[in-house]
Amino acid sequence: MKEQSFMSDTQKQSLSLGGVVVATALPYREDASAPAGLAVDYDKYADHCRWLVENGCRGVGPNGSLGEYSSLTDDERRRVARTAVEAVGDSGVVVVGVHGVGSHQAKHWAEVAAEDGADGLLCLPPTMYRANRGEVLAHFEAVASVGLPVMVYNNPIDTKVDLTPDLVAEIARIDNIVAIKEFSGDVRRVLEIREQAPGLEVVSGADDVVLESLLMGATGWFAGFPNVFPAESARLYDLAVAGKLEEARALYEPLVAAFRWDSRTEFVQAIKLGMEQVGRYGGPCRPPRGPLTPRMRERVQADMARAIASLEKRAV
């Protein structure tokens, strides 16, 4: 486990949560005694976290929606985060998802993450409740009071709460709020947020608009499909932030059909299937997520096949 560090407020706020941080998929193994007959495979998960960082990603994000945090027991959720911290060590950053129905739950998970050596936190507004402006601000104030750098997560599709640029500007005034993961799909938000909250890092949250977001000034990618293509995703990020548009487009365009699955309801199943197609372990999901329909499975495999063929051609 990482040695716990004690940073000043200035040091905490200066820690960048940019770069390619992978929202990690979570492997399960069959176990009749576990919830839904599936036990978390912590050894496989640790291996996956190390593989992502070894292939050029800046870090990992356990306990996000891609990590099926809402299907985990409390003990599992904490152990998943600890496993990521121990696996990555000093080789990368670990940004732990602390999403909760209310601020007291989210703050609890933030405190636990701090105890276990996390570098930063990813936090949605209150889940399962359409919070108003004041409630959203109070929620993030509670989480940020723990002292770790916080990446706010805007996902209006799932939460029904849209963190609009003017609201983000208010949230950004809270100590220890350092970044926003923008998942609205509206790339206009990148410049709007930079204008209204110039000290806040804007991180692309949707894989299928990542290049557009990076070219508009996003400084990070909190990503799904790098679970499948970590080295190529890190390369895409480097090309984009270096302004090498022609090379970045050539790499990106054949991948976009696969990346679009990151914004669909079945994104977890699709990414796990993609992992299988490149020879990694993806495996099943816990309920409420079920298996892909045969038609969806065919579509994911076709989109992935195009991406894989393009990358193989580039490697020749």
C-alpha atoms as a PDB file:
ATOM      1  CA  MET A   1       0.000   0.000   0.000  1.00  0.00           C
ATOM      2  CA  LYS A   2       1.182   3.530  -0.688  1.00  0.00           C
ATOM      3  CA  GLU A   3       2.665   5.343   2.254  1.00  0.00           C
ATOM      4  CA  GLN A   4       0.160   7.962   3.340  1.00  0.00           C
ATOM      5  CA  SER A   5       1.407  11.461   2.637  1.00  0.00           C
ATOM      6  CA  PHE A   6       0.370  14.660   4.349  1.00  0.00           C
ATOM      7  CA  MET A   7       0.185  17.529   1.887  1.00  0.00           C
ATOM      8  CA  SER A   8      -0.646  21.170   2.438  1.00  0.00           C
ATOM      9  CA  ASP A   9      -3.838  22.534   0.875  1.00  0.00           C
ATOM     10  CA  THR A  10      -1.746  24.192  -1.828  1.00  0.00           C
ATOM     11  CA  GLN A  11       0.025  20.925  -2.672  1.00  0.00           C
ATOM     12  CA  LYS A  12      -3.262  19.034  -2.773  1.00  0.00           C
ATOM     13  CA  GLN A  13      -4.851  21.517  -5.144  1.00  0.00           C
ATOM     14  CA  SER A  14      -1.768  21.554  -7.373  1.00  0.00           C
ATOM     15  CA  LEU A  15      -1.839  17.783  -7.941  1.00  0.00           C
ATOM     16  CA  SER A  16      -2.942  17.219 -11.517  1.00  0.00           C
ATOM     17  CA  LEU A  17      -5.516  14.533 -12.184  1.00  0.00           C
ATOM     18  CA  GLY A  18      -5.009  14.814 -15.942  1.00  0.00           C
ATOM     19  CA  GLY A  19      -3.487  12.385 -18.414  1.00  0.00           C
ATOM     20  CA  VAL A  20      -5.073   9.037 -19.246  1.00  0.00           C
ATOM     21  CA  VAL A  21      -6.650   7.628 -16.096  1.00  0.00           C
ATOM     22  CA  VAL A  22      -8.538   4.415 -16.810  1.00  0.00           C
ATOM     23  CA  ALA A  23     -11.936   3.744 -15.271  1.00  0.00           C
ATOM     24  CA  THR A  24     -11.105   0.131 -14.582  1.00  0.00           C
ATOM     25  CA  ALA A  25     -13.367  -2.787 -15.424  1.00  0.00           C
ATOM     26  CA  LEU A  26     -13.716  -5.325 -12.630  1.00  0.00           C
ATOM     27  CA  PRO A  27     -13.171  -9.078 -13.161  1.00  0.00           C
ATOM     28  CA  TYR A  28     -15.320 -11.682 -11.443  1.00  0.00           C
ATOM     29  CA  ARG A  29     -14.984 -15.445 -10.961  1.00  0.00           C
ATOM     30  CA  GLU A  30     -17.808 -17.898 -10.369  1.00  0.00           C
ATOM     31  CA  ASP A  31     -18.512 -18.539  -6.692  1.00  0.00           C
ATOM     32  CA  ALA A  32     -21.885 -19.793  -5.539  1.00  0.00           C
ATOM     33  CA  SER A  33     -21.462 -18.157  -2.125  1.00  0.00           C
ATOM     34  CA  ALA A  34     -20.816 -14.668  -3.545  1.00  0.00           C
ATOM     35  CA  PRO A  35     -23.448 -12.089  -4.524  1.00  0.00           C
ATOM     36  CA  ALA A  36     -25.168 -13.230  -7.764  1.00  0.00           C
ATOM     37  CA  GLY A  37     -22.742 -16.186  -7.800  1.00  0.00           C
ATOM     38  CA  LEU A  38     -19.825 -13.938  -8.801  1.00  0.00           C
ATOM     39  CA  ALA A  39     -16.864 -13.088  -6.576  1.00  0.00           C
ATOM     40  CA  VAL A  40     -14.424 -10.270  -7.331  1.00  0.00           C
ATOM     41  CA  ASP A  41     -11.148 -11.687  -8.651  1.00  0.00           C
ATOM     42  CA  TYR A  42      -8.710  -9.384  -6.876  1.00  0.00           C
ATOM     43  CA  ASP A  43      -5.603 -11.045  -8.334  1.00  0.00           C
ATOM     44  CA  LYS A  44      -6.831 -10.512 -11.888  1.00  0.00           C
ATOM     45  CA  TYR A  45      -7.817  -6.955 -11.011  1.00  0.00           C
ATOM     46  CA  ALA A  46      -4.369  -6.153  -9.619  1.00  0.00           C
ATOM     47  CA  ASP A  47      -2.763  -7.580 -12.758  1.00  0.00           C
ATOM     48  CA  HIS A  48      -5.049  -5.467 -14.924  1.00  0.00           C
ATOM     49  CA  CYS A  49      -4.202  -2.262 -13.033  1.00  0.00           C
ATOM     50  CA  ARG A  50      -0.474  -2.926 -13.416  1.00  0.00           C
ATOM     51  CA  TRP A  51      -0.879  -3.745 -17.125  1.00  0.00           C
ATOM     52  CA  LEU A  52      -2.635  -0.436 -17.798  1.00  0.00           C
ATOM     53  CA  VAL A  53       0.088   1.627 -16.155  1.00  0.00           C
ATOM     54  CA  GLU A  54       2.866  -0.427 -17.736  1.00  0.00           C
ATOM     55  CA  ASN A  55       1.309   0.335 -21.129  1.00  0.00           C
ATOM     56  CA  GLY A  56       1.507   4.092 -20.718  1.00  0.00           C
ATOM     57  CA  CYS A  57      -1.625   5.130 -18.841  1.00  0.00           C
ATOM     58  CA  ARG A  58      -1.116   7.618 -16.026  1.00  0.00           C
ATOM     59  CA  GLY A  59      -3.267   5.790 -13.535  1.00  0.00           C
ATOM     60  CA  VAL A  60      -6.440   3.926 -12.690  1.00  0.00           C
ATOM     61  CA  GLY A  61      -9.887   4.765 -11.354  1.00  0.00           C
ATOM     62  CA  PRO A  62     -11.443   1.988  -9.269  1.00  0.00           C
ATOM     63  CA  ASN A  63     -15.081   1.992  -8.155  1.00  0.00           C
ATOM     64  CA  GLY A  64     -16.562   3.937 -11.018  1.00  0.00           C
ATOM     65  CA  SER A  65     -19.690   2.904 -12.891  1.00  0.00           C
ATOM     66  CA  LEU A  66     -17.490   0.865 -15.251  1.00  0.00           C
ATOM     67  CA  GLY A  67     -16.152  -0.837 -12.126  1.00  0.00           C
ATOM     68  CA  GLU A  68     -19.728  -1.734 -11.121  1.00  0.00           C
ATOM     69  CA  TYR A  69     -19.348  -0.034  -7.742  1.00  0.00           C
ATOM     70  CA  SER A  70     -23.111  -0.032  -7.105  1.00  0.00           C
ATOM     71  CA  SER A  71     -23.188  -3.856  -7.308  1.00  0.00           C
ATOM     72  CA  LEU A  72     -20.460  -4.321  -4.674  1.00  0.00           C
ATOM     73  CA  THR A  73     -20.747  -4.942  -0.961  1.00  0.00           C
ATOM     74  CA  ASP A  74     -19.080  -2.340   1.270  1.00  0.00           C
ATOM     75  CA  ASP A  75     -16.222  -4.737   2.035  1.00  0.00           C
ATOM     76  CA  GLU A  76     -15.686  -5.471  -1.661  1.00  0.00           C
ATOM     77  CA  ARG A  77     -15.761  -1.805  -2.582  1.00  0.00           C
ATOM     78  CA  ARG A  78     -13.037  -0.937  -0.103  1.00  0.00           C
ATOM     79  CA  ARG A  79     -10.897  -3.927  -1.039  1.00  0.00           C
ATOM     80  CA  VAL A  80     -11.127  -3.063  -4.752  1.00  0.00           C
ATOM     81  CA  ALA A  81      -9.721   0.407  -4.070  1.00  0.00           C
ATOM     82  CA  ARG A  82      -6.992  -0.975  -1.819  1.00  0.00           C
ATOM     83  CA  THR A  83      -6.069  -3.528  -4.470  1.00  0.00           C
ATOM     84  CA  ALA A  84      -5.635  -0.756  -7.055  1.00  0.00           C
ATOM     85  CA  VAL A  85      -3.493   1.335  -4.691  1.00  0.00           C
ATOM     86  CA  GLU A  86      -1.252  -1.617  -3.851  1.00  0.00           C
ATOM     87  CA  ALA A  87      -0.964  -2.769  -7.468  1.00  0.00           C
ATOM     88  CA  VAL A  88      -0.037   0.616  -8.903  1.00  0.00           C
ATOM     89  CA  GLY A  89       2.220   1.728  -6.068  1.00  0.00           C
ATOM     90  CA  ASP A  90       4.276   4.752  -7.025  1.00  0.00           C
ATOM     91  CA  SER A  91       4.025   4.001 -10.757  1.00  0.00           C
ATOM     92  CA  GLY A  92       0.775   5.891 -11.284  1.00  0.00           C
ATOM     93  CA  VAL A  93      -2.113   7.722  -9.683  1.00  0.00           C
ATOM     94  CA  VAL A  94      -5.229   6.118  -8.221  1.00  0.00           C
ATOM     95  CA  VAL A  95      -8.418   8.181  -8.387  1.00  0.00           C
ATOM     96  CA  VAL A  96     -11.085   6.374  -6.375  1.00  0.00           C
ATOM     97  CA  GLY A  97     -14.784   6.701  -7.110  1.00  0.00           C
ATOM     98  CA  VAL A  98     -16.652   7.810  -3.973  1.00  0.00           C
ATOM     99  CA  HIS A  99     -20.149   8.145  -5.411  1.00  0.00           C
ATOM    100  CA  GLY A 100     -22.989   8.015  -2.921  1.00  0.00           C
ATOM    101  CA  VAL A 101     -26.681   8.673  -2.546  1.00  0.00           C
ATOM    102  CA  GLY A 102     -25.992  11.446  -0.050  1.00  0.00           C
ATOM    103  CA  SER A 103     -23.066  13.542   1.083  1.00  0.00           C
ATOM    104  CA  HIS A 104     -22.569  11.470   4.236  1.00  0.00           C
ATOM    105  CA  GLN A 105     -22.078   8.290   2.171  1.00  0.00           C
ATOM    106  CA  ALA A 106     -19.790   9.989  -0.350  1.00  0.00           C
ATOM    107  CA  LYS A 107     -17.759  11.610   2.433  1.00  0.00           C
ATOM    108  CA  HIS A 108     -17.412   8.239   4.156  1.00  0.00           C
ATOM    109  CA  TRP A 109     -15.974   6.681   0.999  1.00  0.00           C
ATOM    110  CA  ALA A 110     -13.664   9.692   0.595  1.00  0.00           C
ATOM    111  CA  GLU A 111     -12.355   9.219   4.135  1.00  0.00           C
ATOM    112  CA  VAL A 112     -11.813   5.512   3.527  1.00  0.00           C
ATOM    113  CA  ALA A 113      -9.984   6.248   0.253  1.00  0.00           C
ATOM    114  CA  ALA A 114      -7.732   8.750   2.036  1.00  0.00           C
ATOM    115  CA  GLU A 115      -6.899   6.176   4.728  1.00  0.00           C
ATOM    116  CA  ASP A 116      -6.027   3.619   2.066  1.00  0.00           C
ATOM    117  CA  GLY A 117      -3.625   5.847   0.126  1.00  0.00           C
ATOM    118  CA  ALA A 118      -5.652   7.168  -2.825  1.00  0.00           C
ATOM    119  CA  ASP A 119      -4.194  10.076  -4.762  1.00  0.00           C
ATOM    120  CA  GLY A 120      -7.535  11.638  -5.628  1.00  0.00           C
ATOM    121  CA  LEU A 121     -11.286  11.170  -5.713  1.00  0.00           C
ATOM    122  CA  LEU A 122     -13.913  11.008  -8.444  1.00  0.00           C
ATOM    123  CA  CYS A 123     -17.370  12.057  -7.296  1.00  0.00           C
ATOM    124  CA  LEU A 124     -20.807  12.297  -8.874  1.00  0.00           C
ATOM    125  CA  PRO A 125     -23.477  14.599  -7.465  1.00  0.00           C
ATOM    126  CA  PRO A 126     -25.968  12.728  -5.250  1.00  0.00           C
ATOM    127  CA  THR A 127     -27.011   9.532  -6.995  1.00  0.00           C
ATOM    128  CA  MET A 128     -30.645   8.342  -7.124  1.00  0.00           C
ATOM    129  CA  TYR A 129     -31.853  11.878  -6.285  1.00  0.00           C
ATOM    130  CA  ARG A 130     -32.237  14.930  -8.508  1.00  0.00           C
ATOM    131  CA  ALA A 131     -30.419  17.403  -6.275  1.00  0.00           C
ATOM    132  CA  ASN A 132     -30.888  21.152  -6.542  1.00  0.00           C
ATOM    133  CA  ARG A 133     -28.069  23.677  -6.837  1.00  0.00           C
ATOM    134  CA  GLY A 134     -27.545  24.174  -3.104  1.00  0.00           C
ATOM    135  CA  GLU A 135     -27.610  20.439  -2.433  1.00  0.00           C
ATOM    136  CA  VAL A 136     -25.040  19.818  -5.162  1.00  0.00           C
ATOM    137  CA  LEU A 137     -22.694  22.408  -3.667  1.00  0.00           C
ATOM    138  CA  ALA A 138     -23.131  20.987  -0.157  1.00  0.00           C
ATOM    139  CA  HIS A 139     -22.422  17.486  -1.471  1.00  0.00           C
ATOM    140  CA  PHE A 140     -19.082  18.467  -2.998  1.00  0.00           C
ATOM    141  CA  GLU A 141     -18.143  20.607  -0.009  1.00  0.00           C
ATOM    142  CA  ALA A 142     -18.525  17.553   2.228  1.00  0.00           C
ATOM    143  CA  VAL A 143     -16.405  15.324  -0.012  1.00  0.00           C
ATOM    144  CA  ALA A 144     -13.717  17.973  -0.564  1.00  0.00           C
ATOM    145  CA  SER A 145     -13.436  18.600   3.190  1.00  0.00           C
ATOM    146  CA  VAL A 146     -11.627  15.240   3.489  1.00  0.00           C
ATOM    147  CA  GLY A 147      -8.605  16.896   1.883  1.00  0.00           C
ATOM    148  CA  LEU A 148      -7.793  14.836  -1.203  1.00  0.00           C
ATOM    149  CA  PRO A 149      -7.942  16.403  -4.685  1.00  0.00           C
ATOM    150  CA  VAL A 150     -11.443  15.915  -6.086  1.00  0.00           C
ATOM    151  CA  MET A 151     -12.512  15.401  -9.702  1.00  0.00           C
ATOM    152  CA  VAL A 152     -16.187  16.308 -10.010  1.00  0.00           C
ATOM    153  CA  TYR A 153     -18.100  14.035 -12.390  1.00  0.00           C
ATOM    154  CA  ASN A 154     -20.795  15.468 -14.644  1.00  0.00           C
ATOM    155  CA  ASN A 155     -22.984  12.667 -16.014  1.00  0.00           C
ATOM    156  CA  PRO A 156     -26.431  14.191 -16.620  1.00  0.00           C
ATOM    157  CA  ILE A 157     -27.512  11.128 -18.608  1.00  0.00           C
ATOM    158  CA  ASP A 158     -27.458   8.828 -15.574  1.00  0.00           C
ATOM    159  CA  THR A 159     -27.843  11.221 -12.627  1.00  0.00           C
ATOM    160  CA  LYS A 160     -30.394  13.616 -14.199  1.00  0.00           C
ATOM    161  CA  VAL A 161     -28.350  16.433 -12.639  1.00  0.00           C
ATOM    162  CA  ASP A 162     -26.490  18.579 -15.152  1.00  0.00           C
ATOM    163  CA  LEU A 163     -23.442  20.378 -13.812  1.00  0.00           C
ATOM    164  CA  THR A 164     -23.677  23.313 -16.197  1.00  0.00           C
ATOM    165  CA  PRO A 165     -20.608  25.526 -16.686  1.00  0.00           C
ATOM    166  CA  ASP A 166     -21.974  28.252 -14.392  1.00  0.00           C
ATOM    167  CA  LEU A 167     -22.601  25.695 -11.631  1.00  0.00           C
ATOM    168  CA  VAL A 168     -19.173  24.157 -12.235  1.00  0.00           C
ATOM    169  CA  ALA A 169     -17.663  27.617 -11.728  1.00  0.00           C
ATOM    170  CA  GLU A 170     -19.273  27.719  -8.271  1.00  0.00           C
ATOM    171  CA  ILE A 171     -18.144  24.209  -7.420  1.00  0.00           C
ATOM    172  CA  ALA A 172     -14.597  25.098  -8.510  1.00  0.00           C
ATOM    173  CA  ARG A 173     -14.383  27.688  -5.710  1.00  0.00           C
ATOM    174  CA  ILE A 174     -14.482  24.892  -3.125  1.00  0.00           C
ATOM    175  CA  ASP A 175     -11.046  24.026  -1.713  1.00  0.00           C
ATOM    176  CA  ASN A 176      -9.583  20.782  -3.142  1.00  0.00           C
ATOM    177  CA  ILE A 177     -11.858  20.682  -6.194  1.00  0.00           C
ATOM    178  CA  VAL A 178      -9.252  20.399  -8.954  1.00  0.00           C
ATOM    179  CA  ALA A 179     -10.920  18.876 -12.036  1.00  0.00           C
ATOM    180  CA  ILE A 180     -14.160  17.925 -13.743  1.00  0.00           C
ATOM    181  CA  LYS A 181     -14.859  14.778 -15.707  1.00  0.00           C
ATOM    182  CA  GLU A 182     -17.199  16.043 -18.441  1.00  0.00           C
ATOM    183  CA  PHE A 183     -19.520  13.362 -19.775  1.00  0.00           C
ATOM    184  CA  SER A 184     -22.342  15.408 -21.267  1.00  0.00           C
ATOM    185  CA  GLY A 185     -20.998  14.746 -24.782  1.00  0.00           C
ATOM    186  CA  ASP A 186     -21.153  18.476 -25.562  1.00  0.00           C
ATOM    187  CA  VAL A 187     -17.619  19.486 -26.501  1.00  0.00           C
ATOM    188  CA  ARG A 188     -18.644  23.149 -26.281  1.00  0.00           C
ATOM    189  CA  ARG A 189     -18.518  22.675 -22.538  1.00  0.00           C
ATOM    190  CA  VAL A 190     -14.725  22.411 -22.579  1.00  0.00           C
ATOM    191  CA  LEU A 191     -14.198  26.039 -23.541  1.00  0.00           C
ATOM    192  CA  GLU A 192     -17.175  27.262 -21.502  1.00  0.00           C
ATOM    193  CA  ILE A 193     -15.783  25.664 -18.348  1.00  0.00           C
ATOM    194  CA  ARG A 194     -12.267  26.926 -19.047  1.00  0.00           C
ATOM    195  CA  GLU A 195     -13.670  30.448 -19.441  1.00  0.00           C
ATOM    196  CA  GLN A 196     -15.805  30.374 -16.290  1.00  0.00           C
ATOM    197  CA  ALA A 197     -13.505  28.266 -14.084  1.00  0.00           C
ATOM    198  CA  PRO A 198     -10.010  28.887 -15.504  1.00  0.00           C
ATOM    199  CA  GLY A 199      -8.201  27.108 -12.662  1.00  0.00           C
ATOM    200  CA  LEU A 200     -10.108  23.859 -13.108  1.00  0.00           C
ATOM    201  CA  GLU A 201      -8.800  20.934 -15.153  1.00  0.00           C
ATOM    202  CA  VAL A 202     -11.290  19.718 -17.751  1.00  0.00           C
ATOM    203  CA  VAL A 203     -11.122  15.968 -18.308  1.00  0.00           C
ATOM    204  CA  SER A 204     -12.869  14.206 -21.176  1.00  0.00           C
ATOM    205  CA  GLY A 205     -15.230  11.570 -19.846  1.00  0.00           C
ATOM    206  CA  ALA A 206     -16.713  10.234 -23.095  1.00  0.00           C
ATOM    207  CA  ASP A 207     -14.396   8.196 -25.293  1.00  0.00           C
ATOM    208  CA  ASP A 208     -16.145   9.090 -28.559  1.00  0.00           C
ATOM    209  CA  VAL A 209     -15.439  12.824 -28.186  1.00  0.00           C
ATOM    210  CA  VAL A 210     -12.008  12.562 -26.588  1.00  0.00           C
ATOM    211  CA  LEU A 211     -10.002  13.943 -29.496  1.00  0.00           C
ATOM    212  CA  GLU A 212     -12.379  16.863 -29.958  1.00  0.00           C
ATOM    213  CA  SER A 213     -12.219  17.608 -26.219  1.00  0.00           C
ATOM    214  CA  LEU A 214      -8.420  17.432 -26.050  1.00  0.00           C
ATOM    215  CA  LEU A 215      -8.060  19.728 -29.045  1.00  0.00           C
ATOM    216  CA  MET A 216     -10.304  22.250 -27.279  1.00  0.00           C
ATOM    217  CA  GLY A 217      -8.074  22.256 -24.217  1.00  0.00           C
ATOM    218  CA  ALA A 218      -9.048  19.316 -22.036  1.00  0.00           C
ATOM    219  CA  THR A 219      -6.012  18.138 -20.102  1.00  0.00           C
ATOM    220  CA  GLY A 220      -7.081  14.597 -19.327  1.00  0.00           C
ATOM    221  CA  TRP A 221      -9.113  11.573 -20.327  1.00  0.00           C
ATOM    222  CA  PHE A 222     -10.922   9.517 -17.691  1.00  0.00           C
ATOM    223  CA  ALA A 223     -11.411   6.636 -19.993  1.00  0.00           C
ATOM    224  CA  GLY A 224     -13.233   3.396 -20.710  1.00  0.00           C
ATOM    225  CA  PHE A 225     -11.758   1.799 -23.816  1.00  0.00           C
ATOM    226  CA  PRO A 226      -8.145   2.111 -22.679  1.00  0.00           C
ATOM    227  CA  ASN A 227      -9.098  -1.020 -20.708  1.00  0.00           C
ATOM    228  CA  VAL A 228      -8.804  -2.594 -24.168  1.00  0.00           C
ATOM    229  CA  PHE A 229      -6.200  -0.409 -25.897  1.00  0.00           C
ATOM    230  CA  PRO A 230      -4.025   1.225 -23.212  1.00  0.00           C
ATOM    231  CA  ALA A 231      -0.841   1.860 -25.203  1.00  0.00           C
ATOM    232  CA  GLU A 232      -2.716   3.126 -28.251  1.00  0.00           C
ATOM    233  CA  SER A 233      -4.909   5.346 -26.077  1.00  0.00           C
ATOM    234  CA  ALA A 234      -1.875   6.855 -24.371  1.00  0.00           C
ATOM    235  CA  ARG A 235      -0.404   7.492 -27.814  1.00  0.00           C
ATOM    236  CA  LEU A 236      -3.630   9.182 -28.961  1.00  0.00           C
ATOM    237  CA  TYR A 237      -3.574  11.420 -25.894  1.00  0.00           C
ATOM    238  CA  ASP A 238       0.059  12.412 -26.481  1.00  0.00           C
ATOM    239  CA  LEU A 239      -0.585  13.237 -30.141  1.00  0.00           C
ATOM    240  CA  ALA A 240      -3.639  15.320 -29.295  1.00  0.00           C
ATOM    241  CA  VAL A 241      -2.034  17.413 -26.561  1.00  0.00           C
ATOM    242  CA  ALA A 242       0.992  17.946 -28.812  1.00  0.00           C
ATOM    243  CA  GLY A 243      -1.343  19.341 -31.507  1.00  0.00           C
ATOM    244  CA  LYS A 244      -0.421  16.638 -34.030  1.00  0.00           C
ATOM    245  CA  LEU A 245      -3.887  16.597 -35.539  1.00  0.00           C
ATOM    246  CA  GLU A 246      -3.249  14.598 -38.700  1.00  0.00           C
ATOM    247  CA  GLU A 247      -1.561  11.748 -36.824  1.00  0.00           C
ATOM    248  CA  ALA A 248      -4.139  11.835 -34.039  1.00  0.00           C
ATOM    249  CA  ARG A 249      -7.055  11.658 -36.490  1.00  0.00           C
ATOM    250  CA  ALA A 250      -5.500   8.750 -38.357  1.00  0.00           C
ATOM    251  CA  LEU A 251      -5.279   6.804 -35.098  1.00  0.00           C
ATOM    252  CA  TYR A 252      -8.652   7.924 -33.717  1.00  0.00           C
ATOM    253  CA  GLU A 253     -11.100   7.571 -36.591  1.00  0.00           C
ATOM    254  CA  PRO A 254     -10.990   3.756 -36.932  1.00  0.00           C
ATOM    255  CA  LEU A 255     -11.472   3.456 -33.159  1.00  0.00           C
ATOM    256  CA  VAL A 256     -14.501   5.734 -32.817  1.00  0.00           C
ATOM    257  CA  ALA A 257     -17.129   3.116 -33.697  1.00  0.00           C
ATOM    258  CA  ALA A 258     -15.877   1.021 -30.772  1.00  0.00           C
ATOM    259  CA  PHE A 259     -15.477   4.086 -28.542  1.00  0.00           C
ATOM    260  CA  ARG A 260     -19.168   4.975 -29.046  1.00  0.00           C
ATOM    261  CA  TRP A 261     -20.097   2.002 -26.906  1.00  0.00           C
ATOM    262  CA  ASP A 262     -18.631   3.908 -23.952  1.00  0.00           C
ATOM    263  CA  SER A 263     -21.672   6.214 -24.108  1.00  0.00           C
ATOM    264  CA  ARG A 264     -24.298   3.474 -24.385  1.00  0.00           C
ATOM    265  CA  THR A 265     -26.262   1.689 -21.676  1.00  0.00           C
ATOM    266  CA  GLU A 266     -24.330  -1.556 -22.233  1.00  0.00           C
ATOM    267  CA  PHE A 267     -20.901   0.082 -22.015  1.00  0.00           C
ATOM    268  CA  VAL A 268     -19.587  -2.203 -19.275  1.00  0.00           C
ATOM    269  CA  GLN A 269     -20.510  -5.374 -21.146  1.00  0.00           C
ATOM    270  CA  ALA A 270     -19.140  -3.941 -24.411  1.00  0.00           C
ATOM    271  CA  ILE A 271     -15.790  -2.983 -22.910  1.00  0.00           C
ATOM    272  CA  LYS A 272     -15.428  -6.362 -21.210  1.00  0.00           C
ATOM    273  CA  LEU A 273     -16.172  -8.075 -24.528  1.00  0.00           C
ATOM    274  CA  GLY A 274     -13.574  -5.853 -26.186  1.00  0.00           C
ATOM    275  CA  MET A 275     -11.041  -6.957 -23.597  1.00  0.00           C
ATOM    276  CA  GLU A 276     -11.756 -10.568 -24.504  1.00  0.00           C
ATOM    277  CA  GLN A 277     -11.209  -9.808 -28.195  1.00  0.00           C
ATOM    278  CA  VAL A 278      -7.677  -8.558 -27.554  1.00  0.00           C
ATOM    279  CA  GLY A 279      -6.802 -11.547 -25.373  1.00  0.00           C
ATOM    280  CA  ARG A 280      -7.448 -10.042 -21.945  1.00  0.00           C
ATOM    281  CA  TYR A 281      -9.944 -11.265 -19.360  1.00  0.00           C
ATOM    282  CA  GLY A 282     -13.259  -9.402 -19.412  1.00  0.00           C
ATOM    283  CA  GLY A 283     -15.788 -11.835 -18.034  1.00  0.00           C
ATOM    284  CA  PRO A 284     -19.362 -11.375 -16.841  1.00  0.00           C
ATOM    285  CA  CYS A 285     -21.098  -8.519 -15.043  1.00  0.00           C
ATOM    286  CA  ARG A 286     -23.138  -8.604 -11.874  1.00  0.00           C
ATOM    287  CA  PRO A 287     -26.842  -7.727 -11.997  1.00  0.00           C
ATOM    288  CA  PRO A 288     -28.543  -5.504 -12.871  1.00  0.00           C
ATOM    289  CA  ARG A 289     -26.272  -5.791 -15.921  1.00  0.00           C
ATOM    290  CA  GLY A 290     -27.016  -8.868 -17.964  1.00  0.00           C
ATOM    291  CA  PRO A 291     -25.299 -10.374 -21.009  1.00  0.00           C
ATOM    292  CA  LEU A 292     -25.397  -8.610 -24.355  1.00  0.00           C
ATOM    293  CA  THR A 293     -28.079  -9.763 -26.786  1.00  0.00           C
ATOM    294  CA  PRO A 294     -26.722 -11.772 -29.725  1.00  0.00           C
ATOM    295  CA  ARG A 295     -27.306  -8.780 -32.033  1.00  0.00           C
ATOM    296  CA  MET A 296     -25.480  -6.358 -29.742  1.00  0.00           C
ATOM    297  CA  ARG A 297     -22.645  -8.825 -29.282  1.00  0.00           C
ATOM    298  CA  GLU A 298     -22.222  -9.041 -33.063  1.00  0.00           C
ATOM    299  CA  ARG A 299     -22.183  -5.245 -33.352  1.00  0.00           C
ATOM    300  CA  VAL A 300     -19.570  -4.841 -30.624  1.00  0.00           C
ATOM    301  CA  GLN A 301     -17.403  -7.550 -32.184  1.00  0.00           C
ATOM    302  CA  ALA A 302     -17.654  -5.908 -35.611  1.00  0.00           C
ATOM    303  CA  ASP A 303     -16.743  -2.464 -34.276  1.00  0.00           C
ATOM    304  CA  MET A 304     -13.896  -3.945 -32.276  1.00  0.00           C
ATOM    305  CA  ALA A 305     -12.662  -5.969 -35.258  1.00  0.00           C
ATOM    306  CA  ARG A 306     -12.362  -2.782 -37.298  1.00  0.00           C
ATOM    307  CA  ALA A 307     -10.402  -1.104 -34.519  1.00  0.00           C
ATOM    308  CA  ILE A 308      -8.095  -4.092 -34.042  1.00  0.00           C
ATOM    309  CA  ALA A 309      -7.449  -4.405 -37.798  1.00  0.00           C
ATOM    310  CA  SER A 310      -6.531  -0.723 -38.003  1.00  0.00           C
ATOM    311  CA  LEU A 311      -4.101  -0.977 -35.111  1.00  0.00           C
ATOM    312  CA  GLU A 312      -2.524  -4.126 -36.522  1.00  0.00           C
ATOM    313  CA  LYS A 313      -2.044  -2.412 -39.864  1.00  0.00           C
ATOM    314  CA  ARG A 314      -0.345   0.539 -38.159  1.00  0.00           C
ATOM    315  CA  ALA A 315       2.000  -1.821 -36.346  1.00  0.00           C
ATOM    316  CA  VAL A 316       3.283  -3.427 -39.564  1.00  0.00           C
END
